[in-house]
N, C-alpha and C. Protein backbone atom coordinates (compact mmCIF):
# COMPACT_ATOMS: atom_id res chain seq x y z
N MET A 1 0.87 -1.18 -0.01
CA MET A 1 -0.04 0.04 0.01
C MET A 1 0.85 1.31 -0.10
N SER A 2 0.45 2.21 -0.73
CA SER A 2 1.25 3.52 -0.80
C SER A 2 0.27 4.66 -0.74
N GLU A 3 0.88 5.83 -0.56
CA GLU A 3 0.08 6.99 -0.58
C GLU A 3 -0.69 7.28 -1.83
N ALA A 4 0.13 6.81 -2.96
CA ALA A 4 -0.45 7.04 -4.40
C ALA A 4 -1.61 6.13 -4.59
N SER A 5 -1.61 4.73 -4.06
CA SER A 5 -2.62 3.90 -4.14
C SER A 5 -3.85 4.23 -3.40
N GLU A 6 -3.51 4.84 -2.20
CA GLU A 6 -4.70 5.17 -1.27
C GLU A 6 -5.44 6.33 -1.91
N ALA A 7 -4.83 7.19 -2.61
CA ALA A 7 -5.49 8.41 -3.04
C ALA A 7 -5.89 8.31 -4.54
N ALA A 8 -5.55 7.11 -5.18
CA ALA A 8 -5.95 6.91 -6.66
C ALA A 8 -7.29 6.77 -6.86
N GLN A 9 -7.87 7.36 -7.99
CA GLN A 9 -9.25 6.97 -8.60
C GLN A 9 -9.00 6.09 -9.71
N LEU A 10 -9.72 4.99 -9.66
CA LEU A 10 -9.58 3.88 -10.67
C LEU A 10 -10.85 3.76 -11.45
N THR A 11 -10.60 3.54 -12.83
CA THR A 11 -11.81 3.36 -13.72
C THR A 11 -11.51 2.19 -14.63
N LEU A 12 -12.57 1.28 -14.68
CA LEU A 12 -12.38 0.15 -15.58
C LEU A 12 -13.56 0.23 -16.52
N LEU A 13 -13.39 -0.21 -17.88
CA LEU A 13 -14.34 -0.10 -18.79
C LEU A 13 -14.18 -1.26 -19.76
N MET A 14 -15.21 -1.94 -20.25
CA MET A 14 -15.09 -2.82 -21.49
C MET A 14 -16.02 -2.26 -22.45
N ALA A 15 -15.52 -2.24 -23.68
CA ALA A 15 -16.28 -1.77 -24.75
C ALA A 15 -15.83 -2.55 -26.13
N ASP A 16 -16.58 -2.23 -27.15
CA ASP A 16 -16.42 -2.81 -28.56
C ASP A 16 -15.12 -2.24 -29.06
N PHE A 17 -14.87 -0.88 -28.77
CA PHE A 17 -13.58 -0.17 -29.28
C PHE A 17 -13.24 0.82 -28.44
N VAL A 18 -12.08 1.06 -28.16
CA VAL A 18 -11.52 2.23 -27.35
C VAL A 18 -10.20 2.72 -28.06
N ASN A 19 -10.05 3.86 -27.94
CA ASN A 19 -8.64 4.59 -28.27
C ASN A 19 -8.55 5.86 -27.61
N VAL A 20 -7.28 6.27 -27.59
CA VAL A 20 -6.94 7.60 -27.00
C VAL A 20 -6.38 8.46 -28.00
N ASP A 21 -7.00 9.66 -28.29
CA ASP A 21 -6.45 10.51 -29.42
C ASP A 21 -5.12 11.25 -28.97
N ALA A 22 -4.62 12.15 -29.97
CA ALA A 22 -3.48 12.82 -29.56
C ALA A 22 -3.56 13.79 -28.46
N ALA A 23 -4.76 14.27 -28.25
CA ALA A 23 -5.01 15.30 -27.07
C ALA A 23 -5.31 14.51 -25.73
N GLY A 24 -5.19 13.18 -25.74
CA GLY A 24 -5.43 12.38 -24.46
C GLY A 24 -6.83 12.20 -24.12
N LYS A 25 -7.92 12.42 -25.05
CA LYS A 25 -9.11 12.21 -24.90
C LYS A 25 -9.48 10.62 -25.26
N VAL A 26 -10.33 10.18 -24.54
CA VAL A 26 -10.76 8.72 -24.76
C VAL A 26 -11.92 8.57 -25.58
N ASN A 27 -11.87 7.79 -26.69
CA ASN A 27 -12.90 7.55 -27.61
C ASN A 27 -13.45 6.23 -27.44
N VAL A 28 -14.74 6.05 -27.07
CA VAL A 28 -15.39 4.73 -26.85
C VAL A 28 -16.48 4.44 -27.63
N VAL A 29 -16.55 3.23 -28.19
CA VAL A 29 -17.76 2.74 -28.95
C VAL A 29 -18.19 1.54 -28.35
N GLY A 30 -19.45 1.51 -28.07
CA GLY A 30 -20.22 0.40 -27.45
C GLY A 30 -19.66 0.11 -26.04
N GLY A 31 -19.45 1.23 -25.25
CA GLY A 31 -18.81 1.05 -23.92
C GLY A 31 -19.89 0.49 -22.88
N GLY A 32 -19.36 0.01 -21.83
CA GLY A 32 -20.05 -0.59 -20.74
C GLY A 32 -20.68 -1.83 -20.77
N ILE A 33 -20.09 -2.66 -21.72
CA ILE A 33 -20.51 -4.16 -21.79
C ILE A 33 -19.98 -4.90 -20.62
N ASN A 34 -20.76 -5.90 -20.26
CA ASN A 34 -20.29 -6.83 -19.28
C ASN A 34 -20.80 -8.33 -19.61
N ILE A 35 -21.31 -8.48 -20.81
CA ILE A 35 -21.68 -9.78 -21.40
C ILE A 35 -21.05 -9.95 -22.71
N LEU A 36 -20.25 -10.96 -22.94
CA LEU A 36 -19.70 -11.29 -24.10
C LEU A 36 -20.31 -12.53 -24.83
N GLY A 37 -20.71 -12.28 -26.02
CA GLY A 37 -21.22 -13.56 -26.86
C GLY A 37 -20.05 -14.13 -27.49
N VAL A 38 -20.47 -15.43 -28.05
CA VAL A 38 -19.25 -16.09 -28.72
C VAL A 38 -19.41 -15.90 -30.16
N GLN A 39 -18.27 -16.08 -30.93
CA GLN A 39 -18.27 -15.93 -32.32
C GLN A 39 -18.78 -17.26 -33.05
N PRO A 40 -19.71 -17.00 -33.92
CA PRO A 40 -20.24 -18.36 -34.65
C PRO A 40 -19.16 -18.77 -35.57
N SER A 41 -18.46 -19.70 -35.04
CA SER A 41 -17.35 -20.31 -35.78
C SER A 41 -17.20 -21.89 -35.31
N PRO A 42 -16.83 -22.73 -36.32
CA PRO A 42 -16.47 -23.99 -35.85
C PRO A 42 -15.14 -24.18 -35.23
N GLN A 43 -14.43 -22.95 -35.05
CA GLN A 43 -13.16 -23.18 -34.53
C GLN A 43 -13.12 -23.74 -33.16
N VAL A 44 -11.91 -24.26 -32.83
CA VAL A 44 -11.77 -24.85 -31.44
C VAL A 44 -10.53 -24.27 -30.88
N PRO A 45 -10.53 -23.59 -29.82
CA PRO A 45 -11.58 -23.35 -28.73
C PRO A 45 -12.55 -22.32 -29.36
N LEU A 46 -13.91 -22.52 -28.72
CA LEU A 46 -14.82 -21.41 -29.03
C LEU A 46 -14.31 -20.22 -28.37
N MET A 47 -14.51 -18.95 -29.09
CA MET A 47 -14.01 -17.70 -28.59
C MET A 47 -15.08 -16.77 -28.47
N SER A 48 -14.93 -15.81 -27.51
CA SER A 48 -15.85 -14.66 -27.34
C SER A 48 -15.65 -13.72 -28.48
N HIS A 49 -16.59 -12.82 -28.55
CA HIS A 49 -16.42 -11.71 -29.57
C HIS A 49 -15.25 -10.97 -29.07
N GLY A 50 -14.77 -10.04 -30.06
CA GLY A 50 -13.66 -9.19 -29.72
C GLY A 50 -14.06 -7.96 -28.81
N PHE A 51 -13.16 -7.52 -28.15
CA PHE A 51 -13.63 -6.29 -27.22
C PHE A 51 -12.19 -5.61 -26.71
N PHE A 52 -12.40 -4.60 -26.07
CA PHE A 52 -11.26 -3.78 -25.59
C PHE A 52 -11.41 -3.69 -24.01
N VAL A 53 -10.49 -3.51 -23.30
CA VAL A 53 -10.44 -3.02 -21.94
C VAL A 53 -9.79 -1.82 -21.67
N PHE A 54 -10.40 -0.85 -20.96
CA PHE A 54 -9.82 0.47 -20.75
C PHE A 54 -9.65 0.61 -19.14
N GLY A 55 -8.42 1.03 -18.77
CA GLY A 55 -8.21 1.26 -17.36
C GLY A 55 -7.64 2.61 -17.20
N ARG A 56 -8.03 3.39 -16.20
CA ARG A 56 -7.44 4.76 -16.05
C ARG A 56 -7.25 4.85 -14.46
N VAL A 57 -6.09 5.27 -14.17
CA VAL A 57 -5.70 5.66 -12.87
C VAL A 57 -5.33 7.21 -12.80
N GLU A 58 -6.03 7.79 -11.83
CA GLU A 58 -5.82 9.19 -11.53
C GLU A 58 -5.16 9.42 -10.25
N ILE A 59 -4.11 10.23 -10.14
CA ILE A 59 -3.42 10.55 -8.91
C ILE A 59 -3.47 12.04 -8.64
N PRO A 60 -3.66 12.48 -7.40
CA PRO A 60 -3.75 14.05 -7.15
C PRO A 60 -2.33 14.63 -7.49
N THR A 61 -2.26 15.71 -8.05
CA THR A 61 -1.07 16.42 -8.49
C THR A 61 -0.21 16.63 -7.22
N ARG A 62 -0.80 16.84 -6.10
CA ARG A 62 -0.03 17.18 -4.85
C ARG A 62 0.91 16.13 -4.61
N LEU A 63 0.83 14.91 -5.02
CA LEU A 63 1.65 13.72 -4.84
C LEU A 63 2.68 13.61 -5.83
N CYS A 64 2.57 14.39 -6.89
CA CYS A 64 3.58 14.17 -8.06
C CYS A 64 4.73 15.07 -7.90
N PRO A 65 5.89 14.62 -8.50
CA PRO A 65 5.99 13.39 -9.27
C PRO A 65 6.20 12.05 -8.41
N VAL A 66 5.57 11.10 -8.92
CA VAL A 66 5.60 9.74 -8.06
C VAL A 66 5.56 8.63 -9.02
N GLU A 67 6.22 7.58 -8.77
CA GLU A 67 6.21 6.26 -9.46
C GLU A 67 5.16 5.43 -8.84
N ALA A 68 4.59 4.66 -9.42
CA ALA A 68 3.60 3.62 -8.98
C ALA A 68 3.58 2.50 -10.03
N VAL A 69 3.20 1.22 -9.59
CA VAL A 69 3.05 0.04 -10.45
C VAL A 69 1.53 0.01 -10.57
N VAL A 70 1.17 0.07 -11.86
CA VAL A 70 -0.17 -0.12 -12.36
C VAL A 70 -0.33 -1.43 -12.92
N GLU A 71 -1.21 -2.25 -12.40
CA GLU A 71 -1.60 -3.52 -12.83
C GLU A 71 -2.96 -3.92 -13.26
N LEU A 72 -3.07 -4.53 -14.39
CA LEU A 72 -4.40 -4.91 -14.87
C LEU A 72 -4.28 -6.44 -15.13
N ALA A 73 -5.23 -7.21 -14.51
CA ALA A 73 -5.12 -8.59 -14.53
C ALA A 73 -6.59 -9.19 -14.71
N LEU A 74 -6.75 -10.42 -15.42
CA LEU A 74 -7.81 -11.11 -15.54
C LEU A 74 -7.93 -12.11 -14.43
N LEU A 75 -9.09 -12.10 -13.67
CA LEU A 75 -9.28 -13.02 -12.51
C LEU A 75 -10.44 -14.00 -12.78
N ASP A 76 -10.28 -15.23 -12.37
CA ASP A 76 -11.33 -16.07 -12.29
C ASP A 76 -12.27 -15.99 -11.19
N ALA A 77 -13.32 -16.68 -11.05
CA ALA A 77 -14.40 -16.53 -9.85
C ALA A 77 -13.76 -16.71 -8.56
N ALA A 78 -12.60 -17.51 -8.43
CA ALA A 78 -11.89 -17.56 -7.14
C ALA A 78 -10.85 -16.46 -6.76
N GLY A 79 -10.79 -15.44 -7.87
CA GLY A 79 -9.82 -14.34 -7.64
C GLY A 79 -8.40 -14.65 -7.98
N GLU A 80 -8.27 -15.71 -8.74
CA GLU A 80 -6.78 -16.15 -9.23
C GLU A 80 -6.51 -15.61 -10.57
N VAL A 81 -5.36 -15.20 -10.91
CA VAL A 81 -5.03 -14.72 -12.22
C VAL A 81 -5.22 -15.82 -13.26
N VAL A 82 -5.82 -15.57 -14.34
CA VAL A 82 -6.17 -16.53 -15.33
C VAL A 82 -5.02 -16.68 -16.38
N THR A 83 -4.70 -17.91 -16.68
CA THR A 83 -3.92 -18.28 -17.78
C THR A 83 -4.52 -18.94 -18.82
N PRO A 84 -4.92 -18.39 -20.02
CA PRO A 84 -5.63 -19.18 -21.05
C PRO A 84 -4.97 -20.41 -21.43
N GLN A 85 -5.81 -21.32 -21.86
CA GLN A 85 -5.18 -22.70 -22.33
C GLN A 85 -4.30 -22.31 -23.64
N GLY A 86 -3.02 -22.94 -23.44
CA GLY A 86 -2.10 -22.84 -24.67
C GLY A 86 -1.35 -21.52 -24.62
N ALA A 87 -1.65 -20.62 -23.68
CA ALA A 87 -0.73 -19.43 -23.31
C ALA A 87 0.37 -19.80 -22.47
N ASP A 88 1.44 -19.05 -22.68
CA ASP A 88 2.66 -19.26 -21.87
C ASP A 88 2.75 -18.49 -20.74
N ARG A 89 1.79 -17.52 -20.37
CA ARG A 89 1.73 -16.70 -19.23
C ARG A 89 0.40 -16.21 -18.90
N ALA A 90 0.17 -15.80 -17.64
CA ALA A 90 -1.19 -15.29 -17.26
C ALA A 90 -1.47 -13.93 -17.90
N LEU A 91 -2.85 -13.74 -17.82
CA LEU A 91 -3.23 -12.32 -18.29
C LEU A 91 -3.11 -11.39 -17.33
N ARG A 92 -1.90 -10.86 -17.17
CA ARG A 92 -1.62 -9.88 -16.20
C ARG A 92 -0.71 -8.93 -16.71
N ILE A 93 -0.94 -7.63 -16.65
CA ILE A 93 0.02 -6.53 -17.24
C ILE A 93 0.40 -5.65 -16.11
N ALA A 94 1.61 -5.44 -15.80
CA ALA A 94 2.18 -4.55 -14.74
C ALA A 94 3.07 -3.68 -15.38
N GLN A 95 3.07 -2.25 -14.97
CA GLN A 95 3.94 -1.42 -15.58
C GLN A 95 4.19 -0.28 -14.58
N VAL A 96 5.54 -0.08 -14.39
CA VAL A 96 5.98 1.12 -13.59
C VAL A 96 5.67 2.32 -14.29
N THR A 97 4.92 3.19 -13.68
CA THR A 97 4.43 4.40 -14.34
C THR A 97 4.77 5.70 -13.47
N THR A 98 5.47 6.68 -14.13
CA THR A 98 5.74 7.98 -13.56
C THR A 98 4.57 8.96 -13.73
N PHE A 99 4.09 9.38 -12.62
CA PHE A 99 2.89 10.25 -12.67
C PHE A 99 3.62 11.71 -12.48
N SER A 100 3.53 12.56 -13.46
CA SER A 100 4.00 13.82 -13.44
C SER A 100 2.96 14.93 -13.02
N ARG A 101 3.39 16.06 -12.54
CA ARG A 101 2.41 17.13 -12.28
C ARG A 101 1.76 17.43 -13.46
N ALA A 102 0.35 17.78 -13.17
CA ALA A 102 -0.48 18.16 -14.18
C ALA A 102 -0.12 19.63 -14.58
N MET A 103 -0.11 19.89 -15.90
CA MET A 103 0.42 21.25 -16.36
C MET A 103 -0.71 21.78 -17.11
N ILE A 104 -0.81 23.09 -16.98
CA ILE A 104 -1.80 23.86 -17.87
C ILE A 104 -0.96 24.89 -18.50
N GLY A 105 -0.70 24.58 -19.76
CA GLY A 105 0.17 25.44 -20.52
C GLY A 105 1.47 25.14 -20.03
N ASN A 106 2.27 26.20 -19.60
CA ASN A 106 3.62 26.05 -19.08
C ASN A 106 3.61 26.21 -17.41
N GLU A 107 2.41 26.13 -16.89
CA GLU A 107 2.23 26.29 -15.48
C GLU A 107 1.81 24.89 -14.85
N ILE A 108 2.34 24.77 -13.67
CA ILE A 108 1.87 23.64 -12.83
C ILE A 108 0.43 23.72 -12.36
N GLY A 109 -0.45 22.88 -12.52
CA GLY A 109 -1.83 22.88 -12.30
C GLY A 109 -2.10 23.09 -10.69
N PRO A 110 -3.20 23.31 -10.26
CA PRO A 110 -3.59 23.44 -8.90
C PRO A 110 -3.50 21.96 -8.27
N PRO A 111 -3.23 22.08 -6.82
CA PRO A 111 -2.94 20.74 -6.16
C PRO A 111 -4.14 19.71 -6.28
N GLU A 112 -5.23 20.21 -6.41
CA GLU A 112 -6.52 19.30 -6.52
C GLU A 112 -6.66 18.75 -7.89
N LEU A 113 -5.92 19.25 -8.78
CA LEU A 113 -6.08 18.67 -10.26
C LEU A 113 -5.42 17.33 -10.21
N ARG A 114 -5.93 16.37 -10.96
CA ARG A 114 -5.52 15.10 -10.99
C ARG A 114 -4.77 14.65 -12.29
N THR A 115 -3.66 13.94 -12.25
CA THR A 115 -2.89 13.44 -13.37
C THR A 115 -3.19 11.98 -13.69
N SER A 116 -3.27 11.54 -14.89
CA SER A 116 -3.65 10.16 -15.09
C SER A 116 -2.77 9.34 -16.00
N HIS A 117 -2.91 8.07 -15.85
CA HIS A 117 -2.25 6.99 -16.78
C HIS A 117 -3.38 6.13 -17.31
N GLN A 118 -3.41 5.96 -18.60
CA GLN A 118 -4.42 5.23 -19.21
C GLN A 118 -3.87 3.96 -19.91
N THR A 119 -4.53 2.81 -19.83
CA THR A 119 -4.14 1.54 -20.27
C THR A 119 -5.30 1.02 -21.15
N ILE A 120 -5.04 0.73 -22.46
CA ILE A 120 -5.93 0.17 -23.34
C ILE A 120 -5.46 -1.14 -23.77
N VAL A 121 -6.33 -2.37 -23.73
CA VAL A 121 -5.82 -3.65 -24.13
C VAL A 121 -6.96 -4.10 -25.04
N GLY A 122 -6.57 -4.53 -26.25
CA GLY A 122 -7.51 -4.89 -27.30
C GLY A 122 -7.44 -6.52 -27.44
N PHE A 123 -8.64 -7.15 -27.38
CA PHE A 123 -8.68 -8.55 -27.63
C PHE A 123 -9.48 -8.82 -28.91
N GLY A 124 -8.89 -8.58 -30.03
CA GLY A 124 -9.55 -8.69 -31.23
C GLY A 124 -10.22 -10.06 -31.75
N ASP A 125 -9.52 -10.98 -31.16
CA ASP A 125 -9.87 -12.36 -31.32
C ASP A 125 -10.68 -13.01 -30.18
N GLY A 126 -11.01 -12.00 -29.18
CA GLY A 126 -11.81 -12.51 -28.03
C GLY A 126 -10.99 -13.31 -27.08
N LEU A 127 -11.66 -13.84 -26.07
CA LEU A 127 -11.11 -14.81 -25.02
C LEU A 127 -11.73 -16.19 -25.25
N PRO A 128 -10.98 -17.16 -24.99
CA PRO A 128 -11.50 -18.61 -25.00
C PRO A 128 -12.88 -18.69 -24.13
N ALA A 129 -13.76 -19.20 -24.64
CA ALA A 129 -15.13 -19.22 -23.84
C ALA A 129 -14.81 -20.30 -22.73
N SER A 130 -13.84 -21.22 -22.89
CA SER A 130 -13.51 -22.27 -21.84
C SER A 130 -13.08 -21.64 -20.53
N LEU A 131 -12.84 -20.34 -20.45
CA LEU A 131 -12.31 -19.78 -19.22
C LEU A 131 -13.27 -19.78 -18.11
N GLY A 132 -14.57 -20.03 -18.56
CA GLY A 132 -15.74 -19.94 -17.70
C GLY A 132 -16.24 -18.69 -17.29
N SER A 133 -17.28 -18.58 -16.41
CA SER A 133 -17.72 -17.45 -15.92
C SER A 133 -18.20 -17.63 -14.61
N PRO A 134 -18.27 -16.52 -13.77
CA PRO A 134 -17.92 -15.11 -14.18
C PRO A 134 -16.39 -14.95 -14.09
N LEU A 135 -16.04 -13.84 -14.80
CA LEU A 135 -14.61 -13.43 -14.69
C LEU A 135 -14.48 -12.04 -14.34
N GLN A 136 -13.36 -11.46 -14.05
CA GLN A 136 -13.36 -10.02 -13.68
C GLN A 136 -11.90 -9.56 -14.01
N TRP A 137 -12.00 -8.31 -14.52
CA TRP A 137 -10.75 -7.46 -14.62
C TRP A 137 -10.62 -6.77 -13.32
N SER A 138 -9.33 -6.77 -12.98
CA SER A 138 -8.87 -6.10 -11.69
C SER A 138 -7.83 -5.04 -12.05
N LEU A 139 -7.99 -3.77 -11.52
CA LEU A 139 -7.06 -2.68 -11.73
C LEU A 139 -6.57 -2.31 -10.31
N ARG A 140 -5.29 -2.24 -10.11
CA ARG A 140 -4.81 -1.96 -8.82
C ARG A 140 -3.53 -1.16 -9.09
N VAL A 141 -3.18 -0.41 -8.06
CA VAL A 141 -1.87 0.40 -7.97
C VAL A 141 -1.02 -0.02 -6.67
N ASP A 142 0.28 -0.28 -7.07
CA ASP A 142 1.19 -0.75 -5.96
C ASP A 142 0.81 -2.03 -5.24
N GLY A 143 0.15 -2.85 -5.92
CA GLY A 143 -0.13 -4.15 -5.27
C GLY A 143 -1.27 -4.06 -4.24
N ASP A 144 -1.91 -2.88 -4.24
CA ASP A 144 -2.95 -2.53 -3.11
C ASP A 144 -4.42 -3.14 -3.43
N ASP A 145 -4.72 -4.37 -2.99
CA ASP A 145 -6.03 -4.96 -3.26
C ASP A 145 -7.14 -4.22 -2.56
N ALA A 146 -6.80 -3.56 -1.49
CA ALA A 146 -8.06 -2.82 -0.59
C ALA A 146 -8.53 -1.81 -1.47
N ASN A 147 -7.84 -1.15 -2.28
CA ASN A 147 -8.16 0.08 -3.09
C ASN A 147 -8.19 -0.24 -4.57
N ALA A 148 -8.24 -1.44 -4.96
CA ALA A 148 -8.37 -1.89 -6.37
C ALA A 148 -9.86 -1.77 -6.77
N THR A 149 -9.94 -1.84 -8.12
CA THR A 149 -11.32 -1.91 -8.66
C THR A 149 -11.56 -3.07 -9.58
N GLN A 150 -12.68 -3.58 -9.50
CA GLN A 150 -12.90 -4.81 -10.33
C GLN A 150 -14.11 -4.51 -11.28
N LEU A 151 -14.08 -5.29 -12.48
CA LEU A 151 -15.25 -5.23 -13.41
C LEU A 151 -15.48 -6.71 -13.66
N GLN A 152 -16.64 -7.16 -13.37
CA GLN A 152 -17.13 -8.50 -13.46
C GLN A 152 -17.76 -8.59 -14.91
N PHE A 153 -17.54 -9.75 -15.54
CA PHE A 153 -18.26 -9.86 -16.78
C PHE A 153 -18.37 -11.45 -17.05
N VAL A 154 -19.21 -11.75 -18.03
CA VAL A 154 -19.46 -13.22 -18.24
C VAL A 154 -19.29 -13.46 -19.81
N ILE A 155 -18.97 -14.79 -20.13
CA ILE A 155 -18.99 -15.09 -21.62
C ILE A 155 -20.06 -16.18 -21.75
N LEU A 156 -21.10 -15.67 -22.60
CA LEU A 156 -22.21 -16.57 -22.71
C LEU A 156 -21.86 -17.69 -23.84
N THR A 157 -22.02 -18.90 -23.48
CA THR A 157 -21.77 -19.98 -24.31
C THR A 157 -23.12 -20.59 -24.82
N PRO A 158 -23.18 -21.02 -26.02
CA PRO A 158 -24.35 -21.74 -26.54
C PRO A 158 -24.76 -22.87 -25.80
N PRO A 159 -26.08 -23.19 -25.63
CA PRO A 159 -26.37 -24.37 -24.93
C PRO A 159 -25.98 -25.54 -25.67
N HIS A 160 -25.76 -26.64 -24.87
CA HIS A 160 -25.33 -27.94 -25.56
C HIS A 160 -26.59 -28.57 -26.33
N ASN A 161 -26.35 -29.17 -27.47
CA ASN A 161 -27.53 -29.95 -28.07
C ASN A 161 -27.93 -31.10 -27.18
N PRO A 162 -29.21 -31.42 -27.12
CA PRO A 162 -29.64 -32.47 -26.37
C PRO A 162 -29.14 -33.85 -27.11
N VAL A 163 -28.81 -34.81 -26.25
CA VAL A 163 -28.31 -36.10 -26.77
C VAL A 163 -29.65 -37.05 -26.82
N ILE A 164 -30.08 -37.49 -27.93
CA ILE A 164 -31.21 -38.35 -28.07
C ILE A 164 -30.84 -39.62 -28.52
N GLY A 165 -31.37 -40.64 -27.76
CA GLY A 165 -31.21 -42.04 -28.05
C GLY A 165 -30.42 -42.76 -27.27
């Protein structure tokens, strides 16, 4: 736990598409989803539709400059980090981030202004439906689970055909 993690405001969002433009503004299409369907395909394994995950960490300028570890991870229903079948590592992204003072032009912004770090991860091919449900994304700062934020979602799989005979 750190002063940065305790003061951080965290945001998580799943959407059909997300990007950040040159001015730092977030562009979201189809935001706020928490149910993923599966792609109609005979491929094995069955995959969810593609989607994006957006995470944002905001730190008060009064704490800056400060370094913090920002971590985004996919967790199963038991809260364990998920490693998809066939993958060589878990779905966990951790990055040391330097939060700088917020600037307005050439001037340092007021202490109540917040500075941010944004993370976008795209899953164009989706996730394997075999991961099960529910799943959740977890966003935390400096390993602080008490102040982390989670976003729960499900992957809907088609019902199994009945066996007759």
